[in-house]
Amino acid sequence: MSSVEMSAVRTTRPNDALATEDAVTYAGWFACLADPTRVRLLHQVASRPAGITVGELADALEIGQPTVSHHVRKLADVGFVTLNKSRTSTVVTVNPSCCTGLPHAADAVMGVLTSRPCCPDDLPGDVTIRPMTDEDWEDVRRIYGEGIATRTATFTTEVPTRKSLDAQWLPDHRWVAEIDGTVAGWATLSPTSGRDCYRGVAENSIYVADGMRGRGVGKTLLRTQVIAADDAGIWTLQTSIFPENRASIALHHSAGFRTVGVRERIAQLDGVWRDTVFLERRSAATT
């Protein structure tokens, strides 16, 4: 999770042009969904993974069967659904690829998936990064507590002990940011699994101190973190961010993270169910 709260504006570069063939494909998808009835139909079909008949769709949406059949064919033409006969009924099933294809298209159009440097390069001159030391623990835990207090950074409600954090974080991937000699933030990586097959997958965390947000601290930490992970052969970085923390999501997008999806009502914070946006970054240095 991340407590970064700062604007992250990305400048488009000439080599970021969306391929013409992809633009044509995506335009066809979006045009198909320009009709509210088709959006409602697709939602109903996606809610029934085992399939739903045209008659059941007509009853559910209180629309005539001829109208449903017309719109279902349009959805099938672009590949959102598949149609199969079951005796005298037509069974409509969502195309599983649609569940990832649509978010991918939105990310591509919005510039999330276009080519970019590994991470932000417009860094502030007054932020320095160094490895975390034993002397930093008090500041690190204080900043963690400030992030917890925002209720937009983590499901954690109490600052963990030094011992538990020390056991959780990868030793060679702990970074501290300083401004004028003051600890302004920190970043760490944690393994996602003890299984050997996932040894190159880690979860990143970035926390910025109160009063230091908006000064490029998170951006500078993330750049250091990503480069170090690439150099160490870590092939996937992942993170979960509350949807309300749009600045942190944008910052991670600028470092090559992509939105995988939204984990709805994944856990409770203060007795309230919360969603998280799940993002990941695949290292280009690892084949």
C-alpha atoms as a PDB file:
ATOM      1  CA  MET A   1       0.000   0.000   0.000  1.00  0.00           C
ATOM      2  CA  SER A   2       1.071   3.595  -0.449  1.00  0.00           C
ATOM      3  CA  SER A   3       0.518   6.887   1.292  1.00  0.00           C
ATOM      4  CA  VAL A   4       1.791   9.019  -1.569  1.00  0.00           C
ATOM      5  CA  GLU A   5      -0.441  12.066  -2.057  1.00  0.00           C
ATOM      6  CA  MET A   6       0.924  14.305  -4.786  1.00  0.00           C
ATOM      7  CA  SER A   7       0.135  15.312  -8.328  1.00  0.00           C
ATOM      8  CA  ALA A   8       1.752  13.120 -10.971  1.00  0.00           C
ATOM      9  CA  VAL A   9       1.355  14.593 -14.433  1.00  0.00           C
ATOM     10  CA  ARG A  10       2.777  12.627 -17.327  1.00  0.00           C
ATOM     11  CA  THR A  11       3.894  14.372 -20.505  1.00  0.00           C
ATOM     12  CA  THR A  12       3.122  12.581 -23.760  1.00  0.00           C
ATOM     13  CA  ARG A  13       6.113  11.863 -25.961  1.00  0.00           C
ATOM     14  CA  PRO A  14       6.142  11.352 -29.747  1.00  0.00           C
ATOM     15  CA  ASN A  15       6.860   7.609 -29.514  1.00  0.00           C
ATOM     16  CA  ASP A  16       3.759   7.099 -27.358  1.00  0.00           C
ATOM     17  CA  ALA A  17       1.413   7.036 -30.396  1.00  0.00           C
ATOM     18  CA  LEU A  18      -1.274   4.365 -30.215  1.00  0.00           C
ATOM     19  CA  ALA A  19      -1.023   1.940 -33.131  1.00  0.00           C
ATOM     20  CA  THR A  20      -3.676   2.574 -35.806  1.00  0.00           C
ATOM     21  CA  GLU A  21      -4.896  -1.035 -35.782  1.00  0.00           C
ATOM     22  CA  ASP A  22      -5.330  -0.949 -32.013  1.00  0.00           C
ATOM     23  CA  ALA A  23      -7.172   2.365 -32.217  1.00  0.00           C
ATOM     24  CA  VAL A  24      -9.574   0.880 -34.783  1.00  0.00           C
ATOM     25  CA  THR A  25     -10.210  -2.157 -32.581  1.00  0.00           C
ATOM     26  CA  TYR A  26     -10.809  -0.108 -29.447  1.00  0.00           C
ATOM     27  CA  ALA A  27     -13.032   2.355 -31.289  1.00  0.00           C
ATOM     28  CA  GLY A  28     -15.200  -0.567 -32.397  1.00  0.00           C
ATOM     29  CA  TRP A  29     -15.477  -1.784 -28.818  1.00  0.00           C
ATOM     30  CA  PHE A  30     -16.381   1.618 -27.439  1.00  0.00           C
ATOM     31  CA  ALA A  31     -18.855   2.252 -30.266  1.00  0.00           C
ATOM     32  CA  CYS A  32     -20.590  -1.014 -29.472  1.00  0.00           C
ATOM     33  CA  LEU A  33     -20.954   0.026 -25.848  1.00  0.00           C
ATOM     34  CA  ALA A  34     -22.259   3.486 -26.742  1.00  0.00           C
ATOM     35  CA  ASP A  35     -25.782   2.068 -26.443  1.00  0.00           C
ATOM     36  CA  PRO A  36     -27.005   1.891 -22.824  1.00  0.00           C
ATOM     37  CA  THR A  37     -29.062  -1.214 -23.567  1.00  0.00           C
ATOM     38  CA  ARG A  38     -25.927  -3.090 -24.640  1.00  0.00           C
ATOM     39  CA  VAL A  39     -24.116  -1.975 -21.504  1.00  0.00           C
ATOM     40  CA  ARG A  40     -26.974  -3.338 -19.385  1.00  0.00           C
ATOM     41  CA  LEU A  41     -27.030  -6.565 -21.380  1.00  0.00           C
ATOM     42  CA  LEU A  42     -23.286  -7.091 -21.079  1.00  0.00           C
ATOM     43  CA  HIS A  43     -23.531  -6.490 -17.333  1.00  0.00           C
ATOM     44  CA  GLN A  44     -26.265  -9.113 -17.008  1.00  0.00           C
ATOM     45  CA  VAL A  45     -24.320 -11.649 -19.069  1.00  0.00           C
ATOM     46  CA  ALA A  46     -21.089 -11.019 -17.167  1.00  0.00           C
ATOM     47  CA  SER A  47     -22.998 -11.573 -13.915  1.00  0.00           C
ATOM     48  CA  ARG A  48     -23.969 -15.066 -15.120  1.00  0.00           C
ATOM     49  CA  PRO A  49     -20.697 -16.878 -15.944  1.00  0.00           C
ATOM     50  CA  ALA A  50     -22.528 -20.095 -16.748  1.00  0.00           C
ATOM     51  CA  GLY A  51     -24.579 -18.314 -19.383  1.00  0.00           C
ATOM     52  CA  ILE A  52     -28.045 -16.839 -19.681  1.00  0.00           C
ATOM     53  CA  THR A  53     -30.696 -17.312 -22.363  1.00  0.00           C
ATOM     54  CA  VAL A  54     -32.041 -14.513 -24.517  1.00  0.00           C
ATOM     55  CA  GLY A  55     -35.439 -15.060 -22.915  1.00  0.00           C
ATOM     56  CA  GLU A  56     -33.994 -14.688 -19.430  1.00  0.00           C
ATOM     57  CA  LEU A  57     -32.218 -11.506 -20.496  1.00  0.00           C
ATOM     58  CA  ALA A  58     -35.472 -10.103 -21.869  1.00  0.00           C
ATOM     59  CA  ASP A  59     -37.262 -10.859 -18.607  1.00  0.00           C
ATOM     60  CA  ALA A  60     -34.478  -9.459 -16.433  1.00  0.00           C
ATOM     61  CA  LEU A  61     -34.290  -6.155 -18.310  1.00  0.00           C
ATOM     62  CA  GLU A  62     -37.981  -6.009 -19.271  1.00  0.00           C
ATOM     63  CA  ILE A  63     -37.117  -5.644 -22.951  1.00  0.00           C
ATOM     64  CA  GLY A  64     -38.647  -7.480 -25.889  1.00  0.00           C
ATOM     65  CA  GLN A  65     -36.815 -10.579 -27.111  1.00  0.00           C
ATOM     66  CA  PRO A  66     -36.330  -9.244 -30.669  1.00  0.00           C
ATOM     67  CA  THR A  67     -34.603  -6.159 -29.234  1.00  0.00           C
ATOM     68  CA  VAL A  68     -32.438  -8.298 -26.964  1.00  0.00           C
ATOM     69  CA  SER A  69     -31.479 -10.574 -29.858  1.00  0.00           C
ATOM     70  CA  HIS A  70     -30.457  -7.579 -31.979  1.00  0.00           C
ATOM     71  CA  HIS A  71     -28.204  -6.107 -29.302  1.00  0.00           C
ATOM     72  CA  VAL A  72     -26.753  -9.474 -28.319  1.00  0.00           C
ATOM     73  CA  ARG A  73     -25.675 -10.029 -31.921  1.00  0.00           C
ATOM     74  CA  LYS A  74     -23.901  -6.654 -31.867  1.00  0.00           C
ATOM     75  CA  LEU A  75     -22.067  -7.674 -28.688  1.00  0.00           C
ATOM     76  CA  ALA A  76     -21.129 -10.982 -30.285  1.00  0.00           C
ATOM     77  CA  ASP A  77     -19.830  -9.253 -33.426  1.00  0.00           C
ATOM     78  CA  VAL A  78     -17.075  -7.499 -31.446  1.00  0.00           C
ATOM     79  CA  GLY A  79     -16.345 -10.563 -29.331  1.00  0.00           C
ATOM     80  CA  PHE A  80     -17.789  -9.470 -25.987  1.00  0.00           C
ATOM     81  CA  VAL A  81     -20.100 -12.499 -25.813  1.00  0.00           C
ATOM     82  CA  THR A  82     -20.481 -15.907 -27.409  1.00  0.00           C
ATOM     83  CA  LEU A  83     -23.758 -17.464 -28.539  1.00  0.00           C
ATOM     84  CA  ASN A  84     -24.650 -21.154 -28.348  1.00  0.00           C
ATOM     85  CA  LYS A  85     -27.836 -23.057 -29.044  1.00  0.00           C
ATOM     86  CA  SER A  86     -29.427 -25.164 -26.315  1.00  0.00           C
ATOM     87  CA  ARG A  87     -32.438 -26.885 -27.840  1.00  0.00           C
ATOM     88  CA  THR A  88     -34.687 -23.974 -28.858  1.00  0.00           C
ATOM     89  CA  SER A  89     -32.929 -21.324 -26.755  1.00  0.00           C
ATOM     90  CA  THR A  90     -29.903 -19.173 -27.461  1.00  0.00           C
ATOM     91  CA  VAL A  91     -27.499 -19.123 -24.519  1.00  0.00           C
ATOM     92  CA  VAL A  92     -25.343 -16.014 -24.155  1.00  0.00           C
ATOM     93  CA  THR A  93     -21.979 -16.307 -22.362  1.00  0.00           C
ATOM     94  CA  VAL A  94     -19.449 -13.604 -21.647  1.00  0.00           C
ATOM     95  CA  ASN A  95     -16.099 -13.924 -23.409  1.00  0.00           C
ATOM     96  CA  PRO A  96     -13.572 -14.238 -20.536  1.00  0.00           C
ATOM     97  CA  SER A  97     -11.071 -12.180 -22.528  1.00  0.00           C
ATOM     98  CA  CYS A  98     -13.492  -9.286 -22.355  1.00  0.00           C
ATOM     99  CA  CYS A  99     -12.880  -8.996 -18.611  1.00  0.00           C
ATOM    100  CA  THR A 100      -9.221  -8.126 -19.211  1.00  0.00           C
ATOM    101  CA  GLY A 101      -9.493  -6.731 -22.732  1.00  0.00           C
ATOM    102  CA  LEU A 102     -11.720  -3.791 -21.834  1.00  0.00           C
ATOM    103  CA  PRO A 103      -9.555  -2.559 -18.923  1.00  0.00           C
ATOM    104  CA  HIS A 104      -6.494  -3.038 -21.122  1.00  0.00           C
ATOM    105  CA  ALA A 105      -8.078  -0.924 -23.865  1.00  0.00           C
ATOM    106  CA  ALA A 106      -8.931   1.834 -21.398  1.00  0.00           C
ATOM    107  CA  ASP A 107      -5.365   1.793 -20.034  1.00  0.00           C
ATOM    108  CA  ALA A 108      -3.913   1.921 -23.548  1.00  0.00           C
ATOM    109  CA  VAL A 109      -6.113   4.842 -24.624  1.00  0.00           C
ATOM    110  CA  MET A 110      -5.339   6.776 -21.445  1.00  0.00           C
ATOM    111  CA  GLY A 111      -1.602   6.289 -21.953  1.00  0.00           C
ATOM    112  CA  VAL A 112      -1.015   3.873 -19.087  1.00  0.00           C
ATOM    113  CA  LEU A 113       0.465   1.121 -21.271  1.00  0.00           C
ATOM    114  CA  THR A 114       2.382   3.167 -23.792  1.00  0.00           C
ATOM    115  CA  SER A 115       6.160   3.081 -23.894  1.00  0.00           C
ATOM    116  CA  ARG A 116       7.944   5.168 -21.266  1.00  0.00           C
ATOM    117  CA  PRO A 117      11.171   5.228 -19.267  1.00  0.00           C
ATOM    118  CA  CYS A 118      11.326   2.773 -16.404  1.00  0.00           C
ATOM    119  CA  CYS A 119      10.234   5.473 -13.998  1.00  0.00           C
ATOM    120  CA  PRO A 120       9.860   9.253 -13.509  1.00  0.00           C
ATOM    121  CA  ASP A 121      12.897  11.304 -14.489  1.00  0.00           C
ATOM    122  CA  ASP A 122      11.763  14.844 -13.632  1.00  0.00           C
ATOM    123  CA  LEU A 123      13.105  14.593 -10.093  1.00  0.00           C
ATOM    124  CA  PRO A 124      13.508  17.405  -7.559  1.00  0.00           C
ATOM    125  CA  GLY A 125      17.043  18.508  -6.798  1.00  0.00           C
ATOM    126  CA  ASP A 126      16.632  18.679  -3.022  1.00  0.00           C
ATOM    127  CA  VAL A 127      15.586  15.049  -2.409  1.00  0.00           C
ATOM    128  CA  THR A 128      18.335  12.519  -1.772  1.00  0.00           C
ATOM    129  CA  ILE A 129      17.910   8.754  -1.424  1.00  0.00           C
ATOM    130  CA  ARG A 130      20.044   6.407   0.643  1.00  0.00           C
ATOM    131  CA  PRO A 131      19.712   2.909   2.127  1.00  0.00           C
ATOM    132  CA  MET A 132      17.729   2.678   5.352  1.00  0.00           C
ATOM    133  CA  THR A 133      19.837   2.255   8.519  1.00  0.00           C
ATOM    134  CA  ASP A 134      19.131   1.236  12.102  1.00  0.00           C
ATOM    135  CA  GLU A 135      19.101   4.922  13.067  1.00  0.00           C
ATOM    136  CA  ASP A 136      16.101   5.509  10.811  1.00  0.00           C
ATOM    137  CA  TRP A 137      13.618   3.245  12.591  1.00  0.00           C
ATOM    138  CA  GLU A 138      12.067   5.949  14.742  1.00  0.00           C
ATOM    139  CA  ASP A 139      11.408   8.180  11.726  1.00  0.00           C
ATOM    140  CA  VAL A 140      10.242   5.258   9.616  1.00  0.00           C
ATOM    141  CA  ARG A 141       7.680   4.152  12.188  1.00  0.00           C
ATOM    142  CA  ARG A 142       6.541   7.755  12.751  1.00  0.00           C
ATOM    143  CA  ILE A 143       5.948   8.270   9.031  1.00  0.00           C
ATOM    144  CA  TYR A 144       4.172   4.916   8.864  1.00  0.00           C
ATOM    145  CA  GLY A 145       1.842   6.155  11.603  1.00  0.00           C
ATOM    146  CA  GLU A 146       1.154   9.348   9.658  1.00  0.00           C
ATOM    147  CA  GLY A 147       0.189   7.248   6.646  1.00  0.00           C
ATOM    148  CA  ILE A 148      -2.088   5.069   8.762  1.00  0.00           C
ATOM    149  CA  ALA A 149      -3.851   8.177  10.062  1.00  0.00           C
ATOM    150  CA  THR A 150      -4.884   9.235   6.534  1.00  0.00           C
ATOM    151  CA  ARG A 151      -7.016   6.087   6.146  1.00  0.00           C
ATOM    152  CA  THR A 152      -6.099   6.109   2.440  1.00  0.00           C
ATOM    153  CA  ALA A 153      -2.778   4.290   2.689  1.00  0.00           C
ATOM    154  CA  THR A 154      -3.213   0.901   4.343  1.00  0.00           C
ATOM    155  CA  PHE A 155      -5.581  -1.444   6.141  1.00  0.00           C
ATOM    156  CA  THR A 156      -3.114  -1.475   9.027  1.00  0.00           C
ATOM    157  CA  THR A 157      -4.504   0.469  12.001  1.00  0.00           C
ATOM    158  CA  GLU A 158      -1.505   0.382  14.360  1.00  0.00           C
ATOM    159  CA  VAL A 159       2.169   0.916  13.623  1.00  0.00           C
ATOM    160  CA  PRO A 160       3.874  -2.494  13.500  1.00  0.00           C
ATOM    161  CA  THR A 161       6.835  -3.196  15.725  1.00  0.00           C
ATOM    162  CA  ARG A 162      10.358  -2.786  14.425  1.00  0.00           C
ATOM    163  CA  LYS A 163      10.843  -6.527  14.771  1.00  0.00           C
ATOM    164  CA  SER A 164       7.850  -7.388  12.611  1.00  0.00           C
ATOM    165  CA  LEU A 165       8.772  -4.856   9.925  1.00  0.00           C
ATOM    166  CA  ASP A 166      12.392  -6.001   9.923  1.00  0.00           C
ATOM    167  CA  ALA A 167      11.217  -9.563   9.340  1.00  0.00           C
ATOM    168  CA  GLN A 168       8.804  -8.501   6.591  1.00  0.00           C
ATOM    169  CA  TRP A 169      10.978  -6.297   4.367  1.00  0.00           C
ATOM    170  CA  LEU A 170      13.684  -7.456   1.974  1.00  0.00           C
ATOM    171  CA  PRO A 171      17.048  -6.369   3.478  1.00  0.00           C
ATOM    172  CA  ASP A 172      18.513  -4.938   0.274  1.00  0.00           C
ATOM    173  CA  HIS A 173      15.414  -2.994  -0.733  1.00  0.00           C
ATOM    174  CA  ARG A 174      14.887  -0.455   2.028  1.00  0.00           C
ATOM    175  CA  TRP A 175      15.290   3.197   1.078  1.00  0.00           C
ATOM    176  CA  VAL A 176      15.017   6.517   2.881  1.00  0.00           C
ATOM    177  CA  ALA A 177      14.472   9.942   1.316  1.00  0.00           C
ATOM    178  CA  GLU A 178      15.931  13.048   2.904  1.00  0.00           C
ATOM    179  CA  ILE A 179      15.383  16.777   2.423  1.00  0.00           C
ATOM    180  CA  ASP A 180      17.924  19.020   4.137  1.00  0.00           C
ATOM    181  CA  GLY A 181      18.979  16.132   6.365  1.00  0.00           C
ATOM    182  CA  THR A 182      15.411  15.355   7.500  1.00  0.00           C
ATOM    183  CA  VAL A 183      13.850  11.957   6.754  1.00  0.00           C
ATOM    184  CA  ALA A 184      11.009  12.777   4.369  1.00  0.00           C
ATOM    185  CA  GLY A 185       9.844   9.295   3.379  1.00  0.00           C
ATOM    186  CA  TRP A 186      10.762   5.679   2.870  1.00  0.00           C
ATOM    187  CA  ALA A 187      10.227   2.801   0.476  1.00  0.00           C
ATOM    188  CA  THR A 188      10.520  -0.963   0.914  1.00  0.00           C
ATOM    189  CA  LEU A 189       9.852  -4.244  -0.853  1.00  0.00           C
ATOM    190  CA  SER A 190       8.284  -7.308   0.729  1.00  0.00           C
ATOM    191  CA  PRO A 191       8.218 -10.833  -0.726  1.00  0.00           C
ATOM    192  CA  THR A 192       4.741 -11.945  -1.756  1.00  0.00           C
ATOM    193  CA  SER A 193       5.348 -15.638  -1.132  1.00  0.00           C
ATOM    194  CA  GLY A 194       7.828 -18.042   0.420  1.00  0.00           C
ATOM    195  CA  ARG A 195       7.622 -20.334  -2.615  1.00  0.00           C
ATOM    196  CA  ASP A 196      10.701 -20.411  -4.807  1.00  0.00           C
ATOM    197  CA  CYS A 197       8.709 -19.916  -8.015  1.00  0.00           C
ATOM    198  CA  TYR A 198       7.648 -16.464  -6.754  1.00  0.00           C
ATOM    199  CA  ARG A 199      11.075 -15.372  -5.556  1.00  0.00           C
ATOM    200  CA  GLY A 200      11.101 -12.581  -8.149  1.00  0.00           C
ATOM    201  CA  VAL A 201       7.739 -11.111  -7.122  1.00  0.00           C
ATOM    202  CA  ALA A 202       7.616  -8.389  -4.477  1.00  0.00           C
ATOM    203  CA  GLU A 203       5.119  -5.894  -3.081  1.00  0.00           C
ATOM    204  CA  ASN A 204       6.250  -2.299  -2.873  1.00  0.00           C
ATOM    205  CA  SER A 205       5.419   0.264  -0.200  1.00  0.00           C
ATOM    206  CA  ILE A 206       6.098   3.998  -0.268  1.00  0.00           C
ATOM    207  CA  TYR A 207       5.314   6.408   2.565  1.00  0.00           C
ATOM    208  CA  VAL A 208       5.874  10.167   2.604  1.00  0.00           C
ATOM    209  CA  ALA A 209       5.946  12.258   5.779  1.00  0.00           C
ATOM    210  CA  ASP A 210       3.382  14.901   6.644  1.00  0.00           C
ATOM    211  CA  GLY A 211       4.541  18.254   5.348  1.00  0.00           C
ATOM    212  CA  MET A 212       6.734  16.612   2.697  1.00  0.00           C
ATOM    213  CA  ARG A 213       4.047  15.542   0.264  1.00  0.00           C
ATOM    214  CA  GLY A 214       3.919  17.214  -3.115  1.00  0.00           C
ATOM    215  CA  ARG A 215       7.686  17.753  -3.237  1.00  0.00           C
ATOM    216  CA  GLY A 216       8.639  14.762  -5.373  1.00  0.00           C
ATOM    217  CA  VAL A 217       9.660  12.514  -2.475  1.00  0.00           C
ATOM    218  CA  GLY A 218       7.509   9.583  -3.588  1.00  0.00           C
ATOM    219  CA  LYS A 219       8.577  10.000  -7.193  1.00  0.00           C
ATOM    220  CA  THR A 220      12.257   9.900  -6.260  1.00  0.00           C
ATOM    221  CA  LEU A 221      11.805   6.916  -3.948  1.00  0.00           C
ATOM    222  CA  LEU A 222       9.872   4.982  -6.583  1.00  0.00           C
ATOM    223  CA  ARG A 223      12.551   5.560  -9.201  1.00  0.00           C
ATOM    224  CA  THR A 224      15.261   4.241  -6.890  1.00  0.00           C
ATOM    225  CA  GLN A 225      13.098   1.316  -5.866  1.00  0.00           C
ATOM    226  CA  VAL A 226      12.249   0.252  -9.425  1.00  0.00           C
ATOM    227  CA  ILE A 227      15.821   0.486 -10.730  1.00  0.00           C
ATOM    228  CA  ALA A 228      17.158  -1.484  -7.758  1.00  0.00           C
ATOM    229  CA  ALA A 229      14.499  -4.158  -8.245  1.00  0.00           C
ATOM    230  CA  ASP A 230      15.352  -4.480 -11.941  1.00  0.00           C
ATOM    231  CA  ASP A 231      19.054  -4.762 -11.144  1.00  0.00           C
ATOM    232  CA  ALA A 232      18.334  -7.465  -8.562  1.00  0.00           C
ATOM    233  CA  GLY A 233      16.353  -9.601 -11.022  1.00  0.00           C
ATOM    234  CA  ILE A 234      12.973  -9.008  -9.394  1.00  0.00           C
ATOM    235  CA  TRP A 235      10.662  -9.556 -12.325  1.00  0.00           C
ATOM    236  CA  THR A 236       7.343  -8.318 -10.939  1.00  0.00           C
ATOM    237  CA  LEU A 237       6.465  -5.537  -8.540  1.00  0.00           C
ATOM    238  CA  GLN A 238       2.910  -5.288  -7.293  1.00  0.00           C
ATOM    239  CA  THR A 239       0.914  -3.046  -5.020  1.00  0.00           C
ATOM    240  CA  SER A 240      -2.633  -2.402  -3.820  1.00  0.00           C
ATOM    241  CA  ILE A 241      -3.874   1.169  -3.531  1.00  0.00           C
ATOM    242  CA  PHE A 242      -7.180   2.569  -2.321  1.00  0.00           C
ATOM    243  CA  PRO A 243      -9.126   3.981  -5.319  1.00  0.00           C
ATOM    244  CA  GLU A 244      -9.420   7.317  -3.506  1.00  0.00           C
ATOM    245  CA  ASN A 245      -5.637   7.758  -3.638  1.00  0.00           C
ATOM    246  CA  ARG A 246      -5.577   8.769  -7.291  1.00  0.00           C
ATOM    247  CA  ALA A 247      -2.214  10.525  -6.997  1.00  0.00           C
ATOM    248  CA  SER A 248      -0.499   7.324  -5.888  1.00  0.00           C
ATOM    249  CA  ILE A 249      -2.126   5.350  -8.700  1.00  0.00           C
ATOM    250  CA  ALA A 250      -0.972   7.943 -11.238  1.00  0.00           C
ATOM    251  CA  LEU A 251       2.530   7.909  -9.789  1.00  0.00           C
ATOM    252  CA  HIS A 252       2.778   4.140 -10.130  1.00  0.00           C
ATOM    253  CA  HIS A 253       1.456   4.326 -13.693  1.00  0.00           C
ATOM    254  CA  SER A 254       4.279   6.750 -14.483  1.00  0.00           C
ATOM    255  CA  ALA A 255       6.760   4.067 -13.391  1.00  0.00           C
ATOM    256  CA  GLY A 256       5.370   1.413 -15.724  1.00  0.00           C
ATOM    257  CA  PHE A 257       2.820  -0.165 -13.380  1.00  0.00           C
ATOM    258  CA  ARG A 258      -0.437  -1.219 -15.011  1.00  0.00           C
ATOM    259  CA  THR A 259      -3.839  -1.565 -13.418  1.00  0.00           C
ATOM    260  CA  VAL A 260      -4.737  -5.243 -13.218  1.00  0.00           C
ATOM    261  CA  GLY A 261      -8.147  -4.671 -11.709  1.00  0.00           C
ATOM    262  CA  VAL A 262     -10.209  -3.579  -8.734  1.00  0.00           C
ATOM    263  CA  ARG A 263     -10.525  -5.942  -5.781  1.00  0.00           C
ATOM    264  CA  GLU A 264     -14.022  -5.132  -4.571  1.00  0.00           C
ATOM    265  CA  ARG A 265     -14.731  -5.129  -0.833  1.00  0.00           C
ATOM    266  CA  ILE A 266     -11.454  -6.936  -0.237  1.00  0.00           C
ATOM    267  CA  ALA A 267     -11.203  -6.052   3.461  1.00  0.00           C
ATOM    268  CA  GLN A 268     -12.641  -3.825   6.160  1.00  0.00           C
ATOM    269  CA  LEU A 269     -11.081  -0.684   7.598  1.00  0.00           C
ATOM    270  CA  ASP A 270     -12.754   0.740  10.688  1.00  0.00           C
ATOM    271  CA  GLY A 271     -15.680  -1.590  10.057  1.00  0.00           C
ATOM    272  CA  VAL A 272     -16.217  -0.376   6.479  1.00  0.00           C
ATOM    273  CA  TRP A 273     -15.644  -2.557   3.418  1.00  0.00           C
ATOM    274  CA  ARG A 274     -13.051  -1.001   1.112  1.00  0.00           C
ATOM    275  CA  ASP A 275     -11.928  -1.658  -2.460  1.00  0.00           C
ATOM    276  CA  THR A 276      -8.346  -1.628  -3.653  1.00  0.00           C
ATOM    277  CA  VAL A 277      -6.833  -1.132  -7.090  1.00  0.00           C
ATOM    278  CA  PHE A 278      -4.302  -3.862  -7.847  1.00  0.00           C
ATOM    279  CA  LEU A 279      -1.320  -2.779  -9.966  1.00  0.00           C
ATOM    280  CA  GLU A 280       1.780  -4.581 -11.167  1.00  0.00           C
ATOM    281  CA  ARG A 281       4.947  -3.828 -13.065  1.00  0.00           C
ATOM    282  CA  ARG A 282       6.859  -6.390 -15.103  1.00  0.00           C
ATOM    283  CA  SER A 283      10.577  -5.725 -15.391  1.00  0.00           C
ATOM    284  CA  ALA A 284      11.806  -5.255 -18.944  1.00  0.00           C
ATOM    285  CA  ALA A 285      15.232  -6.429 -17.783  1.00  0.00           C
ATOM    286  CA  THR A 286      14.021  -9.981 -17.144  1.00  0.00           C
ATOM    287  CA  THR A 287      13.042 -12.272 -19.996  1.00  0.00           C
END
